[in-house]
Amino acid sequence: MGFRLLNTRVLAVFIAAGFMSAVAGCKSDDAGSVLDPGTGANTAPPEGKVLESELRAYCPPVELDADYAVYSTYDKKADGDATKLIYQSSITAVTRKCTYAAGVIMMDIAAAGRVVPGPLATDGTVSMPFIVSVTAADGTSIYSNKAKYDVAVTKASGAAQFIYHDPNVSIPTPKPGTIKVTIGYDLPKKKPSGDLSLQ
């Protein structure tokens, strides 16, 4: 079950520094010129100007599946044993920003969260497996990217916050509601409830 998460304070830096600068500099099919009311001529838009066409452009929403929002690392052969937990990572918010070209949307998709130490935590690095996917309504894969993201952690400092993002999502411009964009941990697929597999 997917759901959208609103931005939190964890994303403040990402939004302020990245999203706003991207909006100010984004381009779309007809964003190369604006009509000068004084001369009637097409002129380049003033630097930093946001055009109406860009404000009205479709930017597909990004979703987080609750089943793939938590990644736990345990001591060897102790998966699921809370007393042997090393670190637990969780995604708390997701967001995206879009830029435009002829027939193409470029998306920068981000996830924010935190890493919390468990009973067996040690100083070091937690390597989290992320996956960003874009699929069509019929389930066809349009884009998929798996990547490891490392976060330095120390037991004494407690929870460590992180922001992971994939800035390289480039897809053909879709009609609203025809694609699904997701980000989450790359974990083994969970069996649907009630699925009784033969032994």
Foldseek 3Di string as FASTA:
>chain_A
DKDAFDDDPLCVCVCVVPVLVCQQVFDAAPQQWDQDPVPRDTDGDPRSDHDPCSVPDDDAWEIEDPVFFKDWDFDPPQPPPQLGTAKMKGWRHKGKHWGYYVQKIFIKIKTKTKIFGGNNYAWDKDKFKKKKWKAFPVGHTFDIDIDIDIDTDHNVVGMDMDMDIDRGDMGGRDDPPGMHIYMGTPDPDDDPPPDDDDD
